[in-house]
Amino acid sequence: MLRLRRVVLLLLSAPASLSGLAAVPAAAETPAAHFLPIAAILDDPRPEQRVRISASLVQDLGDNEFLVEDATGRIIVEGGPAWYHRFGLPADELLIIDGEVEVEDGDPPEIDIHQVTREDGAVLRIRPATGPSPWSGRPAAAGTPLSEPPVWE
């Protein structure tokens, strides 16, 4: 039911027009200095593709999931399981989000956050750029996080 709610939310919140977008190269990796338009990710989702977007927070969906947008569209970004850690993203600020595309069960693509950079340069590291996530292979403890929430550096 949560997935259905998120799909409806994405459809209802999409910009009315996505015309006039420049073509984006279909690369397996996105260079660090290049921002990929959200519409390009939605139009051609590539599982595990490394991406960098520049977007602002639209809505905190809870459990480390956030709806963000740029001029081309909206996408959900996810920062790991809430049983492991919890954090928030600032509103009214342009964020740089580095992560990788996740595509599951025919749902719209999402981005698994690796790190977020604020306008002032502060960085929130959620997981390493390579290798498994810190929560990988660990069972969810009933209401007990295994880690302190990530902090802005």
C-alpha atoms as a PDB file:
ATOM      1  CA  MET A   1       0.000   0.000   0.000  1.00  0.00           C
ATOM      2  CA  LEU A   2       2.906   2.353   0.784  1.00  0.00           C
ATOM      3  CA  ARG A   3       4.367   1.758  -2.698  1.00  0.00           C
ATOM      4  CA  LEU A   4       0.988   2.533  -4.301  1.00  0.00           C
ATOM      5  CA  ARG A   5       0.761   5.770  -2.297  1.00  0.00           C
ATOM      6  CA  ARG A   6       4.233   6.780  -3.455  1.00  0.00           C
ATOM      7  CA  VAL A   7       3.416   6.017  -7.111  1.00  0.00           C
ATOM      8  CA  VAL A   8       0.248   8.120  -6.916  1.00  0.00           C
ATOM      9  CA  LEU A   9       2.181  10.900  -5.158  1.00  0.00           C
ATOM     10  CA  LEU A  10       4.806  10.920  -7.912  1.00  0.00           C
ATOM     11  CA  LEU A  11       2.185  10.994 -10.655  1.00  0.00           C
ATOM     12  CA  LEU A  12       0.202  13.773  -9.030  1.00  0.00           C
ATOM     13  CA  SER A  13       3.251  15.876  -8.275  1.00  0.00           C
ATOM     14  CA  ALA A  14       4.979  15.626 -11.676  1.00  0.00           C
ATOM     15  CA  PRO A  15       5.449  18.924 -13.515  1.00  0.00           C
ATOM     16  CA  ALA A  16       2.838  19.582 -16.175  1.00  0.00           C
ATOM     17  CA  SER A  17       5.403  19.827 -18.965  1.00  0.00           C
ATOM     18  CA  LEU A  18       8.733  18.156 -19.429  1.00  0.00           C
ATOM     19  CA  SER A  19       9.239  19.341 -23.029  1.00  0.00           C
ATOM     20  CA  GLY A  20      12.369  21.096 -24.151  1.00  0.00           C
ATOM     21  CA  LEU A  21      14.806  18.888 -22.263  1.00  0.00           C
ATOM     22  CA  ALA A  22      18.291  18.526 -23.640  1.00  0.00           C
ATOM     23  CA  ALA A  23      19.438  15.036 -24.555  1.00  0.00           C
ATOM     24  CA  VAL A  24      21.452  13.394 -21.798  1.00  0.00           C
ATOM     25  CA  PRO A  25      24.197  10.925 -22.674  1.00  0.00           C
ATOM     26  CA  ALA A  26      23.352   7.359 -21.692  1.00  0.00           C
ATOM     27  CA  ALA A  27      26.414   6.568 -19.631  1.00  0.00           C
ATOM     28  CA  ALA A  28      26.739   3.817 -17.053  1.00  0.00           C
ATOM     29  CA  GLU A  29      28.362   6.304 -14.686  1.00  0.00           C
ATOM     30  CA  THR A  30      27.620   9.996 -14.343  1.00  0.00           C
ATOM     31  CA  PRO A  31      30.766  12.133 -13.995  1.00  0.00           C
ATOM     32  CA  ALA A  32      31.022  13.745 -10.560  1.00  0.00           C
ATOM     33  CA  ALA A  33      30.662  17.301 -11.890  1.00  0.00           C
ATOM     34  CA  HIS A  34      27.649  16.505 -14.087  1.00  0.00           C
ATOM     35  CA  PHE A  35      24.121  16.842 -12.758  1.00  0.00           C
ATOM     36  CA  LEU A  36      21.640  14.463 -14.331  1.00  0.00           C
ATOM     37  CA  PRO A  37      18.112  15.854 -14.812  1.00  0.00           C
ATOM     38  CA  ILE A  38      15.529  13.873 -12.846  1.00  0.00           C
ATOM     39  CA  ALA A  39      13.482  13.440 -16.048  1.00  0.00           C
ATOM     40  CA  ALA A  40      16.406  11.560 -17.622  1.00  0.00           C
ATOM     41  CA  ILE A  41      16.436   9.104 -14.701  1.00  0.00           C
ATOM     42  CA  LEU A  42      12.659   8.635 -14.871  1.00  0.00           C
ATOM     43  CA  ASP A  43      12.685   8.203 -18.671  1.00  0.00           C
ATOM     44  CA  ASP A  44      15.566   5.704 -18.766  1.00  0.00           C
ATOM     45  CA  PRO A  45      16.116   4.158 -15.320  1.00  0.00           C
ATOM     46  CA  ARG A  46      19.308   2.116 -15.147  1.00  0.00           C
ATOM     47  CA  PRO A  47      19.542   0.015 -11.988  1.00  0.00           C
ATOM     48  CA  GLU A  48      22.674   0.754  -9.950  1.00  0.00           C
ATOM     49  CA  GLN A  49      23.621   3.721 -12.193  1.00  0.00           C
ATOM     50  CA  ARG A  50      25.608   6.278 -10.197  1.00  0.00           C
ATOM     51  CA  VAL A  51      23.914   9.676 -10.435  1.00  0.00           C
ATOM     52  CA  ARG A  52      24.289  13.197  -9.135  1.00  0.00           C
ATOM     53  CA  ILE A  53      21.263  15.467  -9.055  1.00  0.00           C
ATOM     54  CA  SER A  54      20.707  19.033  -7.931  1.00  0.00           C
ATOM     55  CA  ALA A  55      17.261  19.188  -6.329  1.00  0.00           C
ATOM     56  CA  SER A  56      15.223  20.680  -3.518  1.00  0.00           C
ATOM     57  CA  LEU A  57      13.076  18.965  -0.919  1.00  0.00           C
ATOM     58  CA  VAL A  58       9.358  18.815  -1.698  1.00  0.00           C
ATOM     59  CA  GLN A  59       8.198  16.511   1.094  1.00  0.00           C
ATOM     60  CA  ASP A  60       9.598  14.306   3.853  1.00  0.00           C
ATOM     61  CA  LEU A  61       7.807  10.974   3.324  1.00  0.00           C
ATOM     62  CA  GLY A  62       9.103   9.493   6.593  1.00  0.00           C
ATOM     63  CA  ASP A  63      11.471   6.599   7.248  1.00  0.00           C
ATOM     64  CA  ASN A  64      14.382   8.346   5.489  1.00  0.00           C
ATOM     65  CA  GLU A  65      12.463   8.774   2.228  1.00  0.00           C
ATOM     66  CA  PHE A  66      12.120  12.196   0.612  1.00  0.00           C
ATOM     67  CA  LEU A  67      10.411  13.557  -2.474  1.00  0.00           C
ATOM     68  CA  VAL A  68      12.769  15.969  -4.254  1.00  0.00           C
ATOM     69  CA  GLU A  69      12.465  17.959  -7.466  1.00  0.00           C
ATOM     70  CA  ASP A  70      14.414  19.826 -10.087  1.00  0.00           C
ATOM     71  CA  ALA A  71      13.064  21.765 -13.069  1.00  0.00           C
ATOM     72  CA  THR A  72      12.447  18.509 -14.983  1.00  0.00           C
ATOM     73  CA  GLY A  73      10.616  16.311 -12.491  1.00  0.00           C
ATOM     74  CA  ARG A  74      10.287  14.725  -9.074  1.00  0.00           C
ATOM     75  CA  ILE A  75      11.795  11.553  -7.642  1.00  0.00           C
ATOM     76  CA  ILE A  76      11.970   9.774  -4.299  1.00  0.00           C
ATOM     77  CA  VAL A  77      15.391   9.536  -2.678  1.00  0.00           C
ATOM     78  CA  GLU A  78      16.028   7.081   0.143  1.00  0.00           C
ATOM     79  CA  GLY A  79      18.742   7.147   2.797  1.00  0.00           C
ATOM     80  CA  GLY A  80      18.763   3.681   4.303  1.00  0.00           C
ATOM     81  CA  PRO A  81      16.485   1.879   6.708  1.00  0.00           C
ATOM     82  CA  ALA A  82      14.936   3.808   9.591  1.00  0.00           C
ATOM     83  CA  TRP A  83      15.798   0.959  11.971  1.00  0.00           C
ATOM     84  CA  TYR A  84      19.478   1.694  11.289  1.00  0.00           C
ATOM     85  CA  HIS A  85      19.385   5.502  11.500  1.00  0.00           C
ATOM     86  CA  ARG A  86      17.059   8.458  10.986  1.00  0.00           C
ATOM     87  CA  PHE A  87      17.819  11.873   9.518  1.00  0.00           C
ATOM     88  CA  GLY A  88      16.169  14.820   7.818  1.00  0.00           C
ATOM     89  CA  LEU A  89      16.908  17.040   4.845  1.00  0.00           C
ATOM     90  CA  PRO A  90      16.674  20.839   4.937  1.00  0.00           C
ATOM     91  CA  ALA A  91      13.791  22.554   3.145  1.00  0.00           C
ATOM     92  CA  ASP A  92      14.110  25.668   0.964  1.00  0.00           C
ATOM     93  CA  GLU A  93      17.637  24.790  -0.083  1.00  0.00           C
ATOM     94  CA  LEU A  94      19.203  23.408  -3.248  1.00  0.00           C
ATOM     95  CA  LEU A  95      20.846  20.074  -2.427  1.00  0.00           C
ATOM     96  CA  ILE A  96      23.381  18.017  -4.349  1.00  0.00           C
ATOM     97  CA  ILE A  97      22.447  14.357  -3.997  1.00  0.00           C
ATOM     98  CA  ASP A  98      24.893  11.631  -4.988  1.00  0.00           C
ATOM     99  CA  GLY A  99      23.601   8.097  -5.145  1.00  0.00           C
ATOM    100  CA  GLU A 100      22.523   5.229  -7.331  1.00  0.00           C
ATOM    101  CA  VAL A 101      19.337   4.398  -9.157  1.00  0.00           C
ATOM    102  CA  GLU A 102      17.130   1.682  -7.653  1.00  0.00           C
ATOM    103  CA  VAL A 103      14.384   0.022  -9.668  1.00  0.00           C
ATOM    104  CA  GLU A 104      12.147  -2.537  -7.941  1.00  0.00           C
ATOM    105  CA  ASP A 105       9.048  -4.507  -8.930  1.00  0.00           C
ATOM    106  CA  GLY A 106       7.883  -2.166 -11.695  1.00  0.00           C
ATOM    107  CA  ASP A 107       7.749   0.834  -9.321  1.00  0.00           C
ATOM    108  CA  PRO A 108       9.040   4.209 -10.479  1.00  0.00           C
ATOM    109  CA  PRO A 109      12.813   4.510 -10.026  1.00  0.00           C
ATOM    110  CA  GLU A 110      14.237   5.933  -6.814  1.00  0.00           C
ATOM    111  CA  ILE A 111      17.696   7.056  -5.789  1.00  0.00           C
ATOM    112  CA  ASP A 112      19.567   5.403  -2.924  1.00  0.00           C
ATOM    113  CA  ILE A 113      21.461   8.291  -1.308  1.00  0.00           C
ATOM    114  CA  HIS A 114      25.196   7.972  -0.795  1.00  0.00           C
ATOM    115  CA  GLN A 115      25.709  11.590   0.289  1.00  0.00           C
ATOM    116  CA  VAL A 116      23.986  14.970   0.304  1.00  0.00           C
ATOM    117  CA  THR A 117      25.768  18.321   0.020  1.00  0.00           C
ATOM    118  CA  ARG A 118      24.087  21.504   1.256  1.00  0.00           C
ATOM    119  CA  GLU A 119      24.459  24.964  -0.264  1.00  0.00           C
ATOM    120  CA  ASP A 120      26.987  25.906   2.437  1.00  0.00           C
ATOM    121  CA  GLY A 121      29.153  22.881   1.548  1.00  0.00           C
ATOM    122  CA  ALA A 122      28.189  20.751   4.550  1.00  0.00           C
ATOM    123  CA  VAL A 123      28.118  17.057   3.605  1.00  0.00           C
ATOM    124  CA  LEU A 124      25.916  14.304   5.009  1.00  0.00           C
ATOM    125  CA  ARG A 125      27.493  10.917   4.273  1.00  0.00           C
ATOM    126  CA  ILE A 126      24.934   8.125   4.339  1.00  0.00           C
ATOM    127  CA  ARG A 127      27.008   5.293   2.920  1.00  0.00           C
ATOM    128  CA  PRO A 128      30.364   4.792   1.229  1.00  0.00           C
ATOM    129  CA  ALA A 129      30.678   5.524  -2.495  1.00  0.00           C
ATOM    130  CA  THR A 130      31.672   1.908  -3.138  1.00  0.00           C
ATOM    131  CA  GLY A 131      30.983  -1.384  -1.447  1.00  0.00           C
ATOM    132  CA  PRO A 132      28.053  -2.517   0.648  1.00  0.00           C
ATOM    133  CA  SER A 133      25.963  -0.231   2.801  1.00  0.00           C
ATOM    134  CA  PRO A 134      26.827  -0.170   6.516  1.00  0.00           C
ATOM    135  CA  TRP A 135      23.502  -1.877   7.323  1.00  0.00           C
ATOM    136  CA  SER A 136      23.950  -4.603   4.706  1.00  0.00           C
ATOM    137  CA  GLY A 137      23.556  -8.094   6.108  1.00  0.00           C
ATOM    138  CA  ARG A 138      22.382  -6.905   9.520  1.00  0.00           C
ATOM    139  CA  PRO A 139      18.952  -7.835  10.824  1.00  0.00           C
ATOM    140  CA  ALA A 140      16.560  -5.090  11.832  1.00  0.00           C
ATOM    141  CA  ALA A 141      16.506  -4.848  15.617  1.00  0.00           C
ATOM    142  CA  ALA A 142      13.040  -4.123  16.985  1.00  0.00           C
ATOM    143  CA  GLY A 143      13.128  -0.351  17.321  1.00  0.00           C
ATOM    144  CA  THR A 144      16.824  -0.226  18.199  1.00  0.00           C
ATOM    145  CA  PRO A 145      19.082   1.541  15.695  1.00  0.00           C
ATOM    146  CA  LEU A 146      22.483   0.005  15.121  1.00  0.00           C
ATOM    147  CA  SER A 147      24.051   3.376  14.437  1.00  0.00           C
ATOM    148  CA  GLU A 148      23.810   6.995  15.459  1.00  0.00           C
ATOM    149  CA  PRO A 149      22.124   9.177  12.837  1.00  0.00           C
ATOM    150  CA  PRO A 150      24.533  10.520  10.223  1.00  0.00           C
ATOM    151  CA  VAL A 151      25.778  14.036  10.919  1.00  0.00           C
ATOM    152  CA  TRP A 152      26.535  16.989   8.629  1.00  0.00           C
ATOM    153  CA  GLU A 153      30.317  17.412   8.278  1.00  0.00           C
END
